[in-house]
C-alpha atoms as a PDB file:
ATOM      1  CA  MET A   1       1.535 106.446   3.978  1.00  0.00           C
ATOM      2  CA  THR A   2      -0.780 106.238   6.654  1.00  0.00           C
ATOM      3  CA  ALA A   3      -1.703 102.790   6.970  1.00  0.00           C
ATOM      4  CA  PRO A   4      -2.355 100.214   9.969  1.00  0.00           C
ATOM      5  CA  LEU A   5       0.564  97.682  10.893  1.00  0.00           C
ATOM      6  CA  ILE A   6      -0.846  94.100  11.265  1.00  0.00           C
ATOM      7  CA  VAL A   7       1.047  91.330  12.747  1.00  0.00           C
ATOM      8  CA  ARG A   8      -0.407  87.850  12.163  1.00  0.00           C
ATOM      9  CA  GLY A   9       0.904  84.527  13.741  1.00  0.00           C
ATOM     10  CA  LEU A  10       4.532  86.029  14.436  1.00  0.00           C
ATOM     11  CA  GLY A  11       7.016  83.438  15.540  1.00  0.00           C
ATOM     12  CA  LYS A  12      10.792  83.760  16.303  1.00  0.00           C
ATOM     13  CA  HIS A  13      13.403  81.228  17.801  1.00  0.00           C
ATOM     14  CA  TYR A  14      17.132  81.150  18.322  1.00  0.00           C
ATOM     15  CA  GLY A  15      18.268  77.641  17.627  1.00  0.00           C
ATOM     16  CA  GLU A  16      15.590  75.251  19.285  1.00  0.00           C
ATOM     17  CA  ALA A  17      14.611  78.034  21.914  1.00  0.00           C
ATOM     18  CA  PRO A  18      11.447  79.795  21.279  1.00  0.00           C
ATOM     19  CA  VAL A  19      11.483  83.611  21.769  1.00  0.00           C
ATOM     20  CA  PHE A  20       7.642  84.264  21.006  1.00  0.00           C
ATOM     21  CA  ALA A  21       5.016  82.717  18.735  1.00  0.00           C
ATOM     22  CA  GLY A  22       1.660  83.420  17.816  1.00  0.00           C
ATOM     23  CA  VAL A  23       1.891  87.074  18.178  1.00  0.00           C
ATOM     24  CA  ASP A  24      -1.303  88.740  16.729  1.00  0.00           C
ATOM     25  CA  PHE A  25      -2.330  92.178  16.908  1.00  0.00           C
ATOM     26  CA  ALA A  26      -2.833  95.514  14.854  1.00  0.00           C
ATOM     27  CA  VAL A  27      -1.943  99.039  15.283  1.00  0.00           C
ATOM     28  CA  GLN A  28      -4.040 101.764  13.584  1.00  0.00           C
ATOM     29  CA  PRO A  29      -3.108 104.948  12.085  1.00  0.00           C
ATOM     30  CA  GLY A  30      -3.089 107.633  15.074  1.00  0.00           C
ATOM     31  CA  GLU A  31      -2.930 104.747  17.683  1.00  0.00           C
ATOM     32  CA  PHE A  32      -0.340 104.029  20.275  1.00  0.00           C
ATOM     33  CA  VAL A  33       0.317 100.614  21.612  1.00  0.00           C
ATOM     34  CA  ALA A  34       2.345  99.859  24.502  1.00  0.00           C
ATOM     35  CA  ILE A  35       4.213  96.546  24.545  1.00  0.00           C
ATOM     36  CA  VAL A  36       5.280  95.284  28.264  1.00  0.00           C
ATOM     37  CA  GLY A  37       6.390  91.958  29.590  1.00  0.00           C
ATOM     38  CA  ASP A  38       9.265  90.365  32.110  1.00  0.00           C
ATOM     39  CA  SER A  39      12.666  90.718  31.055  1.00  0.00           C
ATOM     40  CA  GLY A  40      14.128  88.704  28.320  1.00  0.00           C
ATOM     41  CA  VAL A  41      10.556  87.448  26.883  1.00  0.00           C
ATOM     42  CA  GLY A  42      11.583  89.256  23.532  1.00  0.00           C
ATOM     43  CA  LYS A  43      10.235  92.621  23.490  1.00  0.00           C
ATOM     44  CA  SER A  44      12.959  94.287  21.722  1.00  0.00           C
ATOM     45  CA  THR A  45      13.137  91.375  19.349  1.00  0.00           C
ATOM     46  CA  LEU A  46       9.749  91.845  18.604  1.00  0.00           C
ATOM     47  CA  LEU A  47      10.384  95.618  17.710  1.00  0.00           C
ATOM     48  CA  ASN A  48      13.172  95.002  15.733  1.00  0.00           C
ATOM     49  CA  CYS A  49      10.771  92.315  13.578  1.00  0.00           C
ATOM     50  CA  LEU A  50       8.241  95.176  13.121  1.00  0.00           C
ATOM     51  CA  ALA A  51      11.074  97.319  11.628  1.00  0.00           C
ATOM     52  CA  GLY A  52      12.444  94.733   9.409  1.00  0.00           C
ATOM     53  CA  LEU A  53      15.469  94.713  11.023  1.00  0.00           C
ATOM     54  CA  ASP A  54      15.343  91.092  12.179  1.00  0.00           C
ATOM     55  CA  THR A  55      13.948  87.817  10.961  1.00  0.00           C
ATOM     56  CA  TRP A  56      11.020  85.794  12.087  1.00  0.00           C
ATOM     57  CA  ASP A  57      10.233  82.027  11.495  1.00  0.00           C
ATOM     58  CA  ALA A  58       6.604  81.917  11.354  1.00  0.00           C
ATOM     59  CA  GLY A  59       3.615  84.648  10.629  1.00  0.00           C
ATOM     60  CA  ARG A  60       3.591  88.020   8.564  1.00  0.00           C
ATOM     61  CA  ILE A  61       3.905  91.528   9.128  1.00  0.00           C
ATOM     62  CA  THR A  62       2.177  93.879   6.705  1.00  0.00           C
ATOM     63  CA  HIS A  63       2.125  97.910   6.790  1.00  0.00           C
ATOM     64  CA  GLY A  64      -0.671  98.866   4.526  1.00  0.00           C
ATOM     65  CA  ASP A  65      -0.059  97.174   1.201  1.00  0.00           C
ATOM     66  CA  THR A  66       3.471  96.288   2.268  1.00  0.00           C
ATOM     67  CA  ASP A  67       4.408  92.567   3.332  1.00  0.00           C
ATOM     68  CA  LEU A  68       7.797  92.857   5.030  1.00  0.00           C
ATOM     69  CA  SER A  69       8.212  88.973   4.259  1.00  0.00           C
ATOM     70  CA  THR A  70       8.133  89.720   0.820  1.00  0.00           C
ATOM     71  CA  LEU A  71      10.784  92.352   0.741  1.00  0.00           C
ATOM     72  CA  ASP A  72      14.679  91.732   0.232  1.00  0.00           C
ATOM     73  CA  ASP A  73      17.243  93.612   2.553  1.00  0.00           C
ATOM     74  CA  THR A  74      17.414  96.298   0.480  1.00  0.00           C
ATOM     75  CA  ALA A  75      13.775  96.815  -0.284  1.00  0.00           C
ATOM     76  CA  ARG A  76      13.118  96.604   3.487  1.00  0.00           C
ATOM     77  CA  ALA A  77      15.938  99.336   4.091  1.00  0.00           C
ATOM     78  CA  LEU A  78      13.975 101.478   1.309  1.00  0.00           C
ATOM     79  CA  TRP A  79      10.592 100.781   3.204  1.00  0.00           C
ATOM     80  CA  ARG A  80      12.129 101.756   7.013  1.00  0.00           C
ATOM     81  CA  ARG A  81      13.661 104.928   5.335  1.00  0.00           C
ATOM     82  CA  ALA A  82      10.359 106.395   4.195  1.00  0.00           C
ATOM     83  CA  GLN A  83       7.883 104.793   6.550  1.00  0.00           C
ATOM     84  CA  VAL A  84       9.695 104.009  10.060  1.00  0.00           C
ATOM     85  CA  GLY A  85      10.974 106.302  12.981  1.00  0.00           C
ATOM     86  CA  PHE A  86      12.977 103.990  15.464  1.00  0.00           C
ATOM     87  CA  VAL A  87      14.141 105.087  18.763  1.00  0.00           C
ATOM     88  CA  PHE A  88      16.660 102.729  19.979  1.00  0.00           C
ATOM     89  CA  GLN A  89      17.614 101.793  23.558  1.00  0.00           C
ATOM     90  CA  ALA A  90      21.151 101.989  22.793  1.00  0.00           C
ATOM     91  CA  PHE A  91      20.628 105.723  21.003  1.00  0.00           C
ATOM     92  CA  HIS A  92      22.861 104.592  17.956  1.00  0.00           C
ATOM     93  CA  VAL A  93      24.016 108.273  17.374  1.00  0.00           C
ATOM     94  CA  LEU A  94      26.910 108.364  14.782  1.00  0.00           C
ATOM     95  CA  PRO A  95      30.035 109.911  17.067  1.00  0.00           C
ATOM     96  CA  HIS A  96      31.580 111.784  14.031  1.00  0.00           C
ATOM     97  CA  LEU A  97      28.511 113.860  13.096  1.00  0.00           C
ATOM     98  CA  ASP A  98      27.234 116.582  15.536  1.00  0.00           C
ATOM     99  CA  VAL A  99      23.993 116.645  17.103  1.00  0.00           C
ATOM    100  CA  ALA A 100      22.113 118.654  14.414  1.00  0.00           C
ATOM    101  CA  GLN A 101      23.734 116.347  11.437  1.00  0.00           C
ATOM    102  CA  ASN A 102      22.679 113.283  13.430  1.00  0.00           C
ATOM    103  CA  VAL A 103      19.001 114.614  13.824  1.00  0.00           C
ATOM    104  CA  ALA A 104      18.836 115.566  10.036  1.00  0.00           C
ATOM    105  CA  LEU A 105      19.950 112.128   8.921  1.00  0.00           C
ATOM    106  CA  PRO A 106      16.631 110.517   7.973  1.00  0.00           C
ATOM    107  CA  LEU A 107      16.078 113.625   5.876  1.00  0.00           C
ATOM    108  CA  MET A 108      19.444 113.396   4.003  1.00  0.00           C
ATOM    109  CA  LEU A 109      18.883 109.908   3.124  1.00  0.00           C
ATOM    110  CA  LEU A 110      15.355 110.945   1.918  1.00  0.00           C
ATOM    111  CA  GLY A 111      17.304 113.563  -0.205  1.00  0.00           C
ATOM    112  CA  GLN A 112      15.458 116.390   1.703  1.00  0.00           C
ATOM    113  CA  SER A 113      17.098 119.279   3.300  1.00  0.00           C
ATOM    114  CA  ASP A 114      15.001 121.143   6.221  1.00  0.00           C
ATOM    115  CA  ALA A 115      17.259 122.899   8.435  1.00  0.00           C
ATOM    116  CA  ALA A 116      14.430 124.637   9.971  1.00  0.00           C
ATOM    117  CA  ARG A 117      12.358 121.428  10.850  1.00  0.00           C
ATOM    118  CA  VAL A 118      15.790 120.198  12.598  1.00  0.00           C
ATOM    119  CA  GLN A 119      16.148 123.077  14.678  1.00  0.00           C
ATOM    120  CA  GLN A 120      12.301 122.782  15.469  1.00  0.00           C
ATOM    121  CA  MET A 121      12.700 119.075  16.575  1.00  0.00           C
ATOM    122  CA  LEU A 122      15.723 119.936  18.589  1.00  0.00           C
ATOM    123  CA  ALA A 123      13.853 122.576  20.645  1.00  0.00           C
ATOM    124  CA  ALA A 124      10.875 120.152  20.975  1.00  0.00           C
ATOM    125  CA  VAL A 125      13.135 117.696  22.949  1.00  0.00           C
ATOM    126  CA  GLY A 126      15.041 120.517  24.983  1.00  0.00           C
ATOM    127  CA  LEU A 127      18.148 120.535  22.990  1.00  0.00           C
ATOM    128  CA  GLU A 128      18.172 124.065  21.638  1.00  0.00           C
ATOM    129  CA  GLY A 129      21.436 125.911  20.795  1.00  0.00           C
ATOM    130  CA  LEU A 130      23.023 122.265  21.187  1.00  0.00           C
ATOM    131  CA  GLY A 131      23.142 121.479  17.344  1.00  0.00           C
ATOM    132  CA  GLU A 132      26.911 122.185  16.941  1.00  0.00           C
ATOM    133  CA  ARG A 133      27.854 119.742  19.934  1.00  0.00           C
ATOM    134  CA  LEU A 134      29.372 116.302  19.412  1.00  0.00           C
ATOM    135  CA  PRO A 135      27.664 113.138  20.804  1.00  0.00           C
ATOM    136  CA  GLN A 136      30.654 112.684  23.234  1.00  0.00           C
ATOM    137  CA  GLN A 137      29.813 116.124  24.707  1.00  0.00           C
ATOM    138  CA  LEU A 138      26.128 115.226  25.747  1.00  0.00           C
ATOM    139  CA  SER A 139      24.938 113.334  28.680  1.00  0.00           C
ATOM    140  CA  GLY A 140      22.984 109.996  28.604  1.00  0.00           C
ATOM    141  CA  GLY A 141      19.652 111.766  28.689  1.00  0.00           C
ATOM    142  CA  GLN A 142      20.422 114.040  25.977  1.00  0.00           C
ATOM    143  CA  LEU A 143      21.563 111.392  23.794  1.00  0.00           C
ATOM    144  CA  GLN A 144      18.385 110.074  24.292  1.00  0.00           C
ATOM    145  CA  ARG A 145      16.568 113.028  23.015  1.00  0.00           C
ATOM    146  CA  VAL A 146      18.723 113.377  19.895  1.00  0.00           C
ATOM    147  CA  ALA A 147      17.543 109.654  18.984  1.00  0.00           C
ATOM    148  CA  ILE A 148      14.113 110.620  19.596  1.00  0.00           C
ATOM    149  CA  ALA A 149      14.289 113.888  17.556  1.00  0.00           C
ATOM    150  CA  ARG A 150      15.899 111.841  14.857  1.00  0.00           C
ATOM    151  CA  ALA A 151      13.296 109.435  14.693  1.00  0.00           C
ATOM    152  CA  LEU A 152      10.390 112.207  14.352  1.00  0.00           C
ATOM    153  CA  VAL A 153      11.945 114.732  12.208  1.00  0.00           C
ATOM    154  CA  HIS A 154      11.060 113.059   8.792  1.00  0.00           C
ATOM    155  CA  ARG A 155       7.301 112.329  10.124  1.00  0.00           C
ATOM    156  CA  PRO A 156       7.318 108.680   9.792  1.00  0.00           C
ATOM    157  CA  ALA A 157       3.979 106.760   9.717  1.00  0.00           C
ATOM    158  CA  LEU A 158       5.334 103.957  11.823  1.00  0.00           C
ATOM    159  CA  LEU A 159       7.086 105.005  15.270  1.00  0.00           C
ATOM    160  CA  LEU A 160       8.831 102.285  17.181  1.00  0.00           C
ATOM    161  CA  ALA A 161      10.181 102.955  20.563  1.00  0.00           C
ATOM    162  CA  ASP A 162      12.249 101.066  22.751  1.00  0.00           C
ATOM    163  CA  GLU A 163      12.417 102.186  26.458  1.00  0.00           C
ATOM    164  CA  PRO A 164      12.457 105.882  25.013  1.00  0.00           C
ATOM    165  CA  THR A 165      12.163 107.457  28.537  1.00  0.00           C
ATOM    166  CA  GLY A 166      14.747 104.952  30.223  1.00  0.00           C
ATOM    167  CA  ASN A 167      17.309 107.335  30.592  1.00  0.00           C
ATOM    168  CA  LEU A 168      15.307 110.442  31.252  1.00  0.00           C
ATOM    169  CA  ASP A 169      14.336 112.455  34.444  1.00  0.00           C
ATOM    170  CA  PRO A 170      10.213 112.346  35.184  1.00  0.00           C
ATOM    171  CA  SER A 171       9.765 115.915  33.764  1.00  0.00           C
ATOM    172  CA  THR A 172      11.572 115.273  30.598  1.00  0.00           C
ATOM    173  CA  ALA A 173      10.266 111.568  30.149  1.00  0.00           C
ATOM    174  CA  ALA A 174       6.588 113.351  30.162  1.00  0.00           C
ATOM    175  CA  ARG A 175       7.847 115.931  27.898  1.00  0.00           C
ATOM    176  CA  VAL A 176       9.227 113.298  25.444  1.00  0.00           C
ATOM    177  CA  MET A 177       5.988 111.304  25.943  1.00  0.00           C
ATOM    178  CA  ASP A 178       3.993 114.447  24.898  1.00  0.00           C
ATOM    179  CA  LEU A 179       6.234 114.835  21.656  1.00  0.00           C
ATOM    180  CA  LEU A 180       5.706 110.826  20.715  1.00  0.00           C
ATOM    181  CA  LEU A 181       1.975 111.375  20.965  1.00  0.00           C
ATOM    182  CA  ALA A 182       1.661 114.640  19.120  1.00  0.00           C
ATOM    183  CA  GLN A 183       3.354 113.135  16.253  1.00  0.00           C
ATOM    184  CA  THR A 184       1.056 109.974  16.748  1.00  0.00           C
ATOM    185  CA  ARG A 185      -2.231 112.375  16.679  1.00  0.00           C
ATOM    186  CA  GLY A 186      -1.128 114.835  14.626  1.00  0.00           C
ATOM    187  CA  HIS A 187       0.331 112.878  11.654  1.00  0.00           C
ATOM    188  CA  GLY A 188      -1.743 109.733  11.859  1.00  0.00           C
ATOM    189  CA  ALA A 189       1.337 107.773  12.814  1.00  0.00           C
ATOM    190  CA  SER A 190       1.007 104.178  14.514  1.00  0.00           C
ATOM    191  CA  LEU A 191       3.161 104.080  17.545  1.00  0.00           C
ATOM    192  CA  VAL A 192       4.501 100.772  19.363  1.00  0.00           C
ATOM    193  CA  LEU A 193       6.432 101.598  22.481  1.00  0.00           C
ATOM    194  CA  VAL A 194       8.031  98.697  24.489  1.00  0.00           C
ATOM    195  CA  THR A 195       8.525  99.731  27.964  1.00  0.00           C
ATOM    196  CA  HIS A 196       8.885  98.957  31.697  1.00  0.00           C
ATOM    197  CA  SER A 197       7.552 102.333  33.040  1.00  0.00           C
ATOM    198  CA  ASP A 198       3.870 102.133  33.989  1.00  0.00           C
ATOM    199  CA  THR A 199       3.757 105.954  33.572  1.00  0.00           C
ATOM    200  CA  ALA A 200       4.593 105.880  29.913  1.00  0.00           C
ATOM    201  CA  ALA A 201       2.363 102.678  29.478  1.00  0.00           C
ATOM    202  CA  ALA A 202      -0.604 104.490  31.076  1.00  0.00           C
ATOM    203  CA  ARG A 203      -0.663 106.884  28.266  1.00  0.00           C
ATOM    204  CA  ALA A 204      -1.317 104.228  25.594  1.00  0.00           C
ATOM    205  CA  ASP A 205      -4.550 103.505  23.961  1.00  0.00           C
ATOM    206  CA  ARG A 206      -4.034  99.666  24.378  1.00  0.00           C
ATOM    207  CA  VAL A 207      -1.657  98.005  26.607  1.00  0.00           C
ATOM    208  CA  LEU A 208      -0.224  94.477  25.417  1.00  0.00           C
ATOM    209  CA  ARG A 209       1.388  91.912  27.601  1.00  0.00           C
ATOM    210  CA  LEU A 210       4.071  89.767  25.502  1.00  0.00           C
ATOM    211  CA  THR A 211       4.565  86.419  26.902  1.00  0.00           C
ATOM    212  CA  SER A 212       6.371  83.452  24.928  1.00  0.00           C
ATOM    213  CA  ASP A 213       3.014  82.118  24.237  1.00  0.00           C
ATOM    214  CA  GLY A 214       1.762  85.303  22.152  1.00  0.00           C
ATOM    215  CA  ILE A 215       0.548  88.703  23.259  1.00  0.00           C
ATOM    216  CA  GLY A 216      -2.652  89.919  24.805  1.00  0.00           C
ATOM    217  CA  ALA A 217      -4.211  92.466  26.943  1.00  0.00           C
ATOM    218  CA  GLY A 218      -1.715  93.910  29.475  1.00  0.00           C
END
């Protein structure tokens, strides 16, 4: 499903403490939006809301005809499985699966099998020949690239990335950004990236700054 992501009046708080409020923005298919802001302002929380991994207290999030607020946990998981690629800051690779199996996981959950595409993704992130290694045999930078390959392998319509270049050297970071942009442009995906990196943000079509009062041009 190639469709816009639309966020309207989104608000989130923990107890009495507001995280953010009045967040309004849209991301079109094929568009790359970077979200920046001070530490602790809720950028990762916002990204988790966009993925339906976290709840919110006001507003709505829609992806095409899908209104996430109307979905129960199971329906959100099924939507996420088919439509979302998420690059977590903490990798979240499964330690008992080898690299190739970790990357293939989204395809397996969709009932698909495509070993060639898995190998293609490993090569694209510079992990060719490492498919049989276990996560504990990899560096932090290599684990980040496994997480990126896994997020892209099923060609999702919505890509969400939380500091995807944070553990990478500059040349590998540039390569990863090339890959994320190729997916965005080539498959019409919507890319939302949370980052502290000026270099990564500079490649976005738009930069939005999140504050506790809302979101606007960065």
